[in-house]
Amino acid sequence: MGGYADKIQKSAGGVLRPGEQVISAIRTQPSGTAIATGVGGLVGAAVAGKKASKAQAEAGEGSMAQNWGTGRFAVAMTGQRMLTFNYTALGKPKDLTSEHPIADIASVEQTPKKLTQGVRFGFADGSSVEVECAKLEKVGDFVTAFQSLKAGTG
């Protein structure tokens, strides 16, 4: 653990089960947010919000991906669950917005993007959702931690 995972561990203590530790964490936003916001300011942010809603609608009615959050949120991985939190402008995690058993998460993959880092979460029912992260987020470490956890070596 380290970095942003430590911040969530401290902020989310009341949400974590006894002995549960945050293994890794990243801050995400809807795919296309960086470009839309950079190009259009507030209008671009509204466009990015619509894109996020559309992407969630396309995930499929009743799918696991549809239950994944929208907007900006932090994703924290523990040995048992994937948790999402909304966060402040300074990145401090606030409220738990969703939780998913690790067994429901089939894959976490880094996807190529020009200005950001893409992350695709695949679910046990075959659905998936893609978000983006700032270049500074340690997405590679997050993906590696997930793969180690699923392989039983994390």
N, C-alpha and C. Protein backbone atom coordinates (compact mmCIF):
# COMPACT_ATOMS: atom_id res chain seq x y z
N MET A 1 0.85 -1.17 0.00
CA MET A 1 0.00 0.00 0.00
C MET A 1 0.90 1.23 0.00
N GLY A 2 0.35 2.34 -0.38
CA GLY A 2 1.07 3.59 -0.39
C GLY A 2 0.32 4.61 -1.22
N GLY A 3 0.74 5.88 -1.13
CA GLY A 3 0.15 6.93 -1.94
C GLY A 3 -1.34 7.12 -1.69
N TYR A 4 -2.11 7.09 -2.76
CA TYR A 4 -3.54 7.36 -2.67
C TYR A 4 -4.27 6.28 -1.87
N ALA A 5 -3.79 5.06 -1.90
CA ALA A 5 -4.40 3.97 -1.11
C ALA A 5 -4.35 4.31 0.37
N ASP A 6 -3.25 4.90 0.82
CA ASP A 6 -3.13 5.32 2.23
C ASP A 6 -4.18 6.38 2.58
N LYS A 7 -4.39 7.33 1.65
CA LYS A 7 -5.36 8.40 1.89
C LYS A 7 -6.77 7.81 2.04
N ILE A 8 -7.11 6.85 1.20
CA ILE A 8 -8.43 6.23 1.30
C ILE A 8 -8.52 5.39 2.56
N GLN A 9 -7.48 4.66 2.90
CA GLN A 9 -7.49 3.84 4.11
C GLN A 9 -7.82 4.70 5.34
N LYS A 10 -7.23 5.90 5.39
CA LYS A 10 -7.47 6.79 6.52
C LYS A 10 -8.87 7.40 6.48
N SER A 11 -9.31 7.81 5.31
CA SER A 11 -10.61 8.48 5.17
C SER A 11 -11.79 7.54 5.24
N ALA A 12 -11.60 6.30 4.83
CA ALA A 12 -12.71 5.36 4.70
C ALA A 12 -12.75 4.32 5.80
N GLY A 13 -12.09 4.58 6.88
CA GLY A 13 -12.02 3.61 7.96
C GLY A 13 -13.38 3.06 8.39
N GLY A 14 -14.41 3.90 8.43
CA GLY A 14 -15.73 3.45 8.85
C GLY A 14 -16.43 2.56 7.85
N VAL A 15 -15.96 2.55 6.62
CA VAL A 15 -16.56 1.73 5.56
C VAL A 15 -15.90 0.36 5.47
N LEU A 16 -14.66 0.31 5.87
CA LEU A 16 -13.90 -0.94 5.75
C LEU A 16 -14.29 -1.92 6.84
N ARG A 17 -14.28 -3.18 6.49
CA ARG A 17 -14.58 -4.24 7.45
C ARG A 17 -13.36 -4.46 8.35
N PRO A 18 -13.56 -5.07 9.52
CA PRO A 18 -12.41 -5.32 10.40
C PRO A 18 -11.30 -6.08 9.66
N GLY A 19 -10.10 -5.55 9.70
CA GLY A 19 -8.95 -6.17 9.06
C GLY A 19 -8.83 -5.90 7.57
N GLU A 20 -9.81 -5.26 6.97
CA GLU A 20 -9.78 -4.99 5.52
C GLU A 20 -8.81 -3.85 5.23
N GLN A 21 -7.94 -4.05 4.26
CA GLN A 21 -6.93 -3.07 3.89
C GLN A 21 -7.10 -2.66 2.43
N VAL A 22 -6.89 -1.38 2.15
CA VAL A 22 -6.89 -0.91 0.78
C VAL A 22 -5.55 -1.30 0.16
N ILE A 23 -5.60 -2.07 -0.92
CA ILE A 23 -4.40 -2.56 -1.59
C ILE A 23 -3.88 -1.53 -2.58
N SER A 24 -4.80 -0.93 -3.33
CA SER A 24 -4.43 0.04 -4.35
C SER A 24 -5.65 0.93 -4.62
N ALA A 25 -5.40 2.13 -5.15
CA ALA A 25 -6.51 3.05 -5.42
C ALA A 25 -6.12 4.02 -6.53
N ILE A 26 -7.14 4.45 -7.28
CA ILE A 26 -6.96 5.44 -8.34
C ILE A 26 -8.16 6.39 -8.34
N ARG A 27 -7.95 7.58 -8.88
CA ARG A 27 -9.03 8.54 -9.10
C ARG A 27 -9.40 8.48 -10.57
N THR A 28 -10.70 8.42 -10.86
CA THR A 28 -11.17 8.28 -12.23
C THR A 28 -12.16 9.39 -12.58
N GLN A 29 -12.43 9.48 -13.87
CA GLN A 29 -13.46 10.37 -14.39
C GLN A 29 -14.01 9.72 -15.64
N PRO A 30 -15.18 10.15 -16.12
CA PRO A 30 -15.74 9.55 -17.33
C PRO A 30 -14.80 9.70 -18.52
N SER A 31 -14.76 8.72 -19.39
CA SER A 31 -13.95 8.79 -20.60
C SER A 31 -14.35 10.01 -21.41
N GLY A 32 -13.36 10.75 -21.90
CA GLY A 32 -13.62 11.94 -22.70
C GLY A 32 -13.67 13.22 -21.90
N THR A 33 -13.63 13.14 -20.59
CA THR A 33 -13.74 14.33 -19.75
C THR A 33 -12.58 15.29 -19.98
N ALA A 34 -11.36 14.80 -20.02
CA ALA A 34 -10.20 15.67 -20.15
C ALA A 34 -10.26 16.47 -21.45
N ILE A 35 -10.57 15.83 -22.54
CA ILE A 35 -10.63 16.53 -23.82
C ILE A 35 -11.81 17.49 -23.85
N ALA A 36 -12.97 17.03 -23.42
CA ALA A 36 -14.17 17.88 -23.44
C ALA A 36 -13.99 19.11 -22.56
N THR A 37 -13.43 18.94 -21.38
CA THR A 37 -13.23 20.06 -20.46
C THR A 37 -12.17 21.01 -20.99
N GLY A 38 -11.10 20.47 -21.53
CA GLY A 38 -10.02 21.29 -22.08
C GLY A 38 -10.49 22.13 -23.25
N VAL A 39 -11.34 21.58 -24.07
CA VAL A 39 -11.82 22.27 -25.26
C VAL A 39 -12.95 23.23 -24.93
N GLY A 40 -13.85 22.81 -24.04
CA GLY A 40 -15.06 23.60 -23.87
C GLY A 40 -15.37 24.11 -22.49
N GLY A 41 -14.46 24.07 -21.53
CA GLY A 41 -14.75 24.57 -20.19
C GLY A 41 -16.01 23.96 -19.62
N LEU A 42 -16.94 24.79 -19.14
CA LEU A 42 -18.18 24.30 -18.53
C LEU A 42 -19.04 23.57 -19.54
N VAL A 43 -19.09 24.07 -20.77
CA VAL A 43 -19.88 23.39 -21.80
C VAL A 43 -19.27 22.01 -22.06
N GLY A 44 -17.95 21.96 -22.11
CA GLY A 44 -17.27 20.68 -22.32
C GLY A 44 -17.54 19.71 -21.18
N ALA A 45 -17.58 20.22 -19.96
CA ALA A 45 -17.87 19.37 -18.81
C ALA A 45 -19.28 18.79 -18.91
N ALA A 46 -20.23 19.60 -19.39
CA ALA A 46 -21.60 19.12 -19.57
C ALA A 46 -21.65 18.03 -20.64
N VAL A 47 -20.89 18.23 -21.72
CA VAL A 47 -20.81 17.21 -22.78
C VAL A 47 -20.22 15.93 -22.22
N ALA A 48 -19.16 16.05 -21.41
CA ALA A 48 -18.53 14.87 -20.82
C ALA A 48 -19.53 14.15 -19.91
N GLY A 49 -20.33 14.88 -19.15
CA GLY A 49 -21.35 14.27 -18.29
C GLY A 49 -22.37 13.49 -19.09
N LYS A 50 -22.78 14.04 -20.23
CA LYS A 50 -23.73 13.33 -21.11
C LYS A 50 -23.10 12.07 -21.67
N LYS A 51 -21.80 12.15 -22.03
CA LYS A 51 -21.10 10.97 -22.54
C LYS A 51 -21.08 9.87 -21.48
N ALA A 52 -20.84 10.24 -20.23
CA ALA A 52 -20.79 9.26 -19.14
C ALA A 52 -22.15 8.60 -18.96
N SER A 53 -23.21 9.39 -19.00
CA SER A 53 -24.56 8.83 -18.86
C SER A 53 -24.88 7.91 -20.01
N LYS A 54 -24.49 8.30 -21.22
CA LYS A 54 -24.74 7.46 -22.40
C LYS A 54 -23.97 6.14 -22.30
N ALA A 55 -22.72 6.23 -21.86
CA ALA A 55 -21.90 5.01 -21.72
C ALA A 55 -22.52 4.06 -20.72
N GLN A 56 -23.05 4.60 -19.63
CA GLN A 56 -23.67 3.74 -18.63
C GLN A 56 -24.95 3.12 -19.18
N ALA A 57 -25.73 3.88 -19.93
CA ALA A 57 -26.96 3.35 -20.53
C ALA A 57 -26.63 2.23 -21.52
N GLU A 58 -25.52 2.37 -22.23
CA GLU A 58 -25.12 1.36 -23.21
C GLU A 58 -24.57 0.10 -22.54
N ALA A 59 -24.28 0.18 -21.26
CA ALA A 59 -23.73 -0.98 -20.54
C ALA A 59 -24.73 -2.12 -20.51
N GLY A 60 -26.00 -1.82 -20.68
CA GLY A 60 -27.01 -2.88 -20.70
C GLY A 60 -27.87 -2.85 -19.46
N GLU A 61 -29.15 -2.86 -19.66
CA GLU A 61 -30.11 -2.85 -18.56
C GLU A 61 -29.87 -4.04 -17.65
N GLY A 62 -29.71 -3.76 -16.36
CA GLY A 62 -29.53 -4.82 -15.38
C GLY A 62 -28.14 -5.41 -15.33
N SER A 63 -27.20 -4.90 -16.12
CA SER A 63 -25.84 -5.46 -16.11
C SER A 63 -25.07 -4.95 -14.90
N MET A 64 -24.00 -5.66 -14.58
CA MET A 64 -23.13 -5.22 -13.49
C MET A 64 -22.50 -3.87 -13.82
N ALA A 65 -22.16 -3.66 -15.08
CA ALA A 65 -21.55 -2.40 -15.49
C ALA A 65 -22.49 -1.23 -15.26
N GLN A 66 -23.77 -1.45 -15.41
CA GLN A 66 -24.73 -0.37 -15.20
C GLN A 66 -24.73 0.10 -13.75
N ASN A 67 -24.36 -0.77 -12.83
CA ASN A 67 -24.33 -0.43 -11.41
C ASN A 67 -23.03 0.28 -11.00
N TRP A 68 -22.08 0.38 -11.92
CA TRP A 68 -20.84 1.09 -11.67
C TRP A 68 -21.16 2.58 -11.65
N GLY A 69 -20.44 3.33 -10.87
CA GLY A 69 -20.73 4.76 -10.74
C GLY A 69 -20.48 5.56 -12.00
N THR A 70 -21.01 6.78 -12.01
CA THR A 70 -20.73 7.73 -13.09
C THR A 70 -20.09 8.96 -12.45
N GLY A 71 -19.54 9.80 -13.28
CA GLY A 71 -18.90 11.01 -12.78
C GLY A 71 -17.48 10.72 -12.31
N ARG A 72 -16.94 11.65 -11.53
CA ARG A 72 -15.59 11.49 -10.97
C ARG A 72 -15.70 10.68 -9.70
N PHE A 73 -14.87 9.67 -9.59
CA PHE A 73 -14.85 8.91 -8.34
C PHE A 73 -13.52 8.20 -8.16
N ALA A 74 -13.24 7.89 -6.92
CA ALA A 74 -12.04 7.13 -6.58
C ALA A 74 -12.43 5.66 -6.51
N VAL A 75 -11.55 4.79 -6.95
CA VAL A 75 -11.76 3.35 -6.87
C VAL A 75 -10.70 2.79 -5.93
N ALA A 76 -11.15 2.12 -4.89
CA ALA A 76 -10.25 1.49 -3.93
C ALA A 76 -10.43 -0.02 -4.00
N MET A 77 -9.34 -0.74 -4.08
CA MET A 77 -9.37 -2.20 -4.13
C MET A 77 -8.89 -2.76 -2.81
N THR A 78 -9.70 -3.64 -2.23
CA THR A 78 -9.28 -4.38 -1.04
C THR A 78 -9.20 -5.85 -1.44
N GLY A 79 -8.85 -6.70 -0.53
CA GLY A 79 -8.81 -8.12 -0.82
C GLY A 79 -10.17 -8.74 -1.09
N GLN A 80 -11.23 -8.06 -0.66
CA GLN A 80 -12.58 -8.60 -0.82
C GLN A 80 -13.46 -7.81 -1.77
N ARG A 81 -13.22 -6.49 -1.87
CA ARG A 81 -14.16 -5.64 -2.61
C ARG A 81 -13.45 -4.56 -3.43
N MET A 82 -14.20 -4.06 -4.42
CA MET A 82 -13.82 -2.86 -5.15
C MET A 82 -14.83 -1.81 -4.69
N LEU A 83 -14.33 -0.72 -4.12
CA LEU A 83 -15.17 0.34 -3.56
C LEU A 83 -15.00 1.61 -4.38
N THR A 84 -16.09 2.36 -4.55
CA THR A 84 -15.98 3.66 -5.21
C THR A 84 -16.45 4.75 -4.25
N PHE A 85 -15.77 5.88 -4.32
CA PHE A 85 -16.04 7.03 -3.46
C PHE A 85 -16.08 8.29 -4.32
N ASN A 86 -16.97 9.22 -4.01
CA ASN A 86 -16.82 10.53 -4.60
C ASN A 86 -15.67 11.20 -3.85
N TYR A 87 -15.11 12.27 -4.42
CA TYR A 87 -13.97 12.91 -3.76
C TYR A 87 -13.98 14.42 -3.99
N THR A 88 -13.27 15.12 -3.12
CA THR A 88 -13.20 16.58 -3.19
C THR A 88 -12.28 17.02 -4.32
N ALA A 89 -12.25 18.32 -4.58
CA ALA A 89 -11.37 18.88 -5.61
C ALA A 89 -9.90 18.60 -5.31
N LEU A 90 -9.58 18.41 -4.04
CA LEU A 90 -8.21 18.10 -3.65
C LEU A 90 -7.93 16.60 -3.60
N GLY A 91 -8.93 15.78 -3.99
CA GLY A 91 -8.74 14.34 -4.06
C GLY A 91 -9.06 13.57 -2.80
N LYS A 92 -9.58 14.25 -1.78
CA LYS A 92 -9.90 13.55 -0.53
C LYS A 92 -11.20 12.75 -0.71
N PRO A 93 -11.16 11.44 -0.46
CA PRO A 93 -12.37 10.61 -0.58
C PRO A 93 -13.43 11.07 0.41
N LYS A 94 -14.69 11.06 -0.05
CA LYS A 94 -15.80 11.48 0.81
C LYS A 94 -16.71 10.28 1.11
N ASP A 95 -17.74 10.11 0.31
CA ASP A 95 -18.77 9.10 0.58
C ASP A 95 -18.61 7.85 -0.29
N LEU A 96 -18.90 6.71 0.30
CA LEU A 96 -18.95 5.46 -0.46
C LEU A 96 -20.11 5.55 -1.44
N THR A 97 -19.85 5.31 -2.73
CA THR A 97 -20.92 5.38 -3.74
C THR A 97 -21.31 4.02 -4.27
N SER A 98 -20.41 3.04 -4.20
CA SER A 98 -20.76 1.68 -4.60
C SER A 98 -19.72 0.70 -4.06
N GLU A 99 -20.11 -0.54 -3.99
CA GLU A 99 -19.17 -1.61 -3.62
C GLU A 99 -19.49 -2.84 -4.45
N HIS A 100 -18.44 -3.54 -4.85
CA HIS A 100 -18.57 -4.71 -5.70
C HIS A 100 -17.64 -5.80 -5.19
N PRO A 101 -18.14 -7.01 -4.97
CA PRO A 101 -17.25 -8.09 -4.56
C PRO A 101 -16.17 -8.32 -5.63
N ILE A 102 -14.97 -8.61 -5.22
CA ILE A 102 -13.88 -8.86 -6.17
C ILE A 102 -14.28 -9.98 -7.14
N ALA A 103 -15.05 -10.96 -6.67
CA ALA A 103 -15.48 -12.05 -7.55
C ALA A 103 -16.30 -11.55 -8.74
N ASP A 104 -16.97 -10.39 -8.60
CA ASP A 104 -17.77 -9.83 -9.69
C ASP A 104 -16.94 -9.08 -10.71
N ILE A 105 -15.69 -8.78 -10.38
CA ILE A 105 -14.80 -8.06 -11.30
C ILE A 105 -13.95 -9.09 -12.02
N ALA A 106 -14.17 -9.23 -13.31
CA ALA A 106 -13.45 -10.24 -14.09
C ALA A 106 -12.09 -9.74 -14.57
N SER A 107 -12.00 -8.44 -14.85
CA SER A 107 -10.74 -7.91 -15.37
C SER A 107 -10.64 -6.41 -15.11
N VAL A 108 -9.40 -5.94 -15.05
CA VAL A 108 -9.08 -4.52 -15.01
C VAL A 108 -7.92 -4.35 -15.98
N GLU A 109 -8.14 -3.53 -17.00
CA GLU A 109 -7.13 -3.36 -18.05
C GLU A 109 -6.85 -1.89 -18.30
N GLN A 110 -5.60 -1.59 -18.56
CA GLN A 110 -5.22 -0.24 -18.97
C GLN A 110 -5.45 -0.15 -20.47
N THR A 111 -6.10 0.92 -20.93
CA THR A 111 -6.37 1.09 -22.36
C THR A 111 -5.66 2.33 -22.86
N PRO A 112 -5.19 2.30 -24.12
CA PRO A 112 -4.43 3.43 -24.63
C PRO A 112 -5.29 4.68 -24.85
N LYS A 113 -4.77 5.81 -24.42
CA LYS A 113 -5.37 7.13 -24.62
C LYS A 113 -4.23 8.11 -24.90
N LYS A 114 -4.54 9.22 -25.54
CA LYS A 114 -3.49 10.20 -25.85
C LYS A 114 -3.17 11.11 -24.68
N LEU A 115 -4.18 11.70 -24.06
CA LEU A 115 -3.95 12.70 -23.01
C LEU A 115 -4.13 12.15 -21.60
N THR A 116 -4.75 11.01 -21.48
CA THR A 116 -5.04 10.42 -20.17
C THR A 116 -4.70 8.94 -20.21
N GLN A 117 -5.05 8.23 -19.16
CA GLN A 117 -4.92 6.78 -19.12
C GLN A 117 -6.33 6.19 -19.03
N GLY A 118 -6.63 5.26 -19.90
CA GLY A 118 -7.92 4.60 -19.84
C GLY A 118 -7.86 3.37 -18.97
N VAL A 119 -8.97 3.06 -18.30
CA VAL A 119 -9.07 1.85 -17.49
C VAL A 119 -10.42 1.21 -17.80
N ARG A 120 -10.39 -0.05 -18.20
CA ARG A 120 -11.62 -0.79 -18.48
C ARG A 120 -11.81 -1.84 -17.39
N PHE A 121 -12.98 -1.77 -16.74
CA PHE A 121 -13.38 -2.74 -15.73
C PHE A 121 -14.33 -3.72 -16.40
N GLY A 122 -13.96 -5.00 -16.41
CA GLY A 122 -14.82 -6.05 -16.95
C GLY A 122 -15.48 -6.80 -15.81
N PHE A 123 -16.74 -7.16 -16.01
CA PHE A 123 -17.52 -7.80 -14.95
C PHE A 123 -17.83 -9.25 -15.29
N ALA A 124 -18.19 -10.01 -14.28
CA ALA A 124 -18.43 -11.45 -14.42
C ALA A 124 -19.55 -11.75 -15.41
N ASP A 125 -20.48 -10.82 -15.62
CA ASP A 125 -21.58 -11.06 -16.55
C ASP A 125 -21.24 -10.70 -17.99
N GLY A 126 -19.97 -10.32 -18.26
CA GLY A 126 -19.53 -9.99 -19.61
C GLY A 126 -19.64 -8.51 -19.94
N SER A 127 -20.28 -7.73 -19.10
CA SER A 127 -20.37 -6.29 -19.35
C SER A 127 -19.08 -5.61 -18.92
N SER A 128 -18.89 -4.37 -19.37
CA SER A 128 -17.69 -3.63 -18.99
C SER A 128 -17.98 -2.14 -19.02
N VAL A 129 -17.10 -1.39 -18.40
CA VAL A 129 -17.20 0.07 -18.38
C VAL A 129 -15.78 0.62 -18.45
N GLU A 130 -15.63 1.72 -19.20
CA GLU A 130 -14.31 2.34 -19.31
C GLU A 130 -14.36 3.75 -18.72
N VAL A 131 -13.32 4.09 -17.98
CA VAL A 131 -13.15 5.41 -17.40
C VAL A 131 -11.76 5.89 -17.77
N GLU A 132 -11.44 7.12 -17.40
CA GLU A 132 -10.09 7.61 -17.64
C GLU A 132 -9.51 8.18 -16.36
N CYS A 133 -8.18 8.24 -16.33
CA CYS A 133 -7.45 8.78 -15.19
C CYS A 133 -6.41 9.76 -15.71
N ALA A 134 -6.03 10.68 -14.87
CA ALA A 134 -4.94 11.60 -15.20
C ALA A 134 -3.66 10.79 -15.40
N LYS A 135 -2.75 11.34 -16.17
CA LYS A 135 -1.47 10.66 -16.43
C LYS A 135 -0.70 10.35 -15.15
N LEU A 136 -0.89 11.17 -14.10
CA LEU A 136 -0.14 10.97 -12.86
C LEU A 136 -0.64 9.80 -12.01
N GLU A 137 -1.86 9.33 -12.28
CA GLU A 137 -2.39 8.20 -11.50
C GLU A 137 -1.57 6.94 -11.79
N LYS A 138 -1.40 6.11 -10.80
CA LYS A 138 -0.60 4.89 -10.94
C LYS A 138 -1.49 3.72 -11.42
N VAL A 139 -1.99 3.87 -12.64
CA VAL A 139 -2.92 2.88 -13.20
C VAL A 139 -2.22 1.54 -13.38
N GLY A 140 -0.99 1.55 -13.86
CA GLY A 140 -0.25 0.30 -14.04
C GLY A 140 -0.13 -0.48 -12.74
N ASP A 141 0.16 0.21 -11.66
CA ASP A 141 0.27 -0.44 -10.35
C ASP A 141 -1.09 -1.01 -9.91
N PHE A 142 -2.17 -0.25 -10.19
CA PHE A 142 -3.51 -0.70 -9.84
C PHE A 142 -3.86 -2.00 -10.60
N VAL A 143 -3.58 -2.01 -11.90
CA VAL A 143 -3.87 -3.19 -12.73
C VAL A 143 -3.04 -4.39 -12.24
N THR A 144 -1.77 -4.16 -11.97
CA THR A 144 -0.91 -5.23 -11.48
C THR A 144 -1.40 -5.77 -10.15
N ALA A 145 -1.81 -4.89 -9.25
CA ALA A 145 -2.34 -5.33 -7.94
C ALA A 145 -3.59 -6.17 -8.12
N PHE A 146 -4.48 -5.76 -9.06
CA PHE A 146 -5.69 -6.54 -9.32
C PHE A 146 -5.33 -7.91 -9.85
N GLN A 147 -4.44 -7.98 -10.81
CA GLN A 147 -4.05 -9.27 -11.40
C GLN A 147 -3.42 -10.18 -10.34
N SER A 148 -2.60 -9.63 -9.46
CA SER A 148 -2.00 -10.43 -8.38
C SER A 148 -3.07 -10.95 -7.43
N LEU A 149 -4.04 -10.08 -7.11
CA LEU A 149 -5.14 -10.48 -6.22
C LEU A 149 -5.94 -11.62 -6.82
N LYS A 150 -6.28 -11.49 -8.09
CA LYS A 150 -7.09 -12.53 -8.76
C LYS A 150 -6.30 -13.84 -8.91
N ALA A 151 -4.99 -13.72 -9.06
CA ALA A 151 -4.15 -14.92 -9.20
C ALA A 151 -3.86 -15.55 -7.84
N GLY A 152 -4.27 -14.87 -6.77
CA GLY A 152 -4.03 -15.40 -5.43
C GLY A 152 -2.64 -15.12 -4.90
N THR A 153 -1.94 -14.19 -5.56
CA THR A 153 -0.58 -13.88 -5.11
C THR A 153 -0.50 -12.48 -4.52
N GLY A 154 -1.67 -11.80 -4.41
CA GLY A 154 -1.66 -10.41 -3.92
C GLY A 154 -2.09 -10.28 -2.50
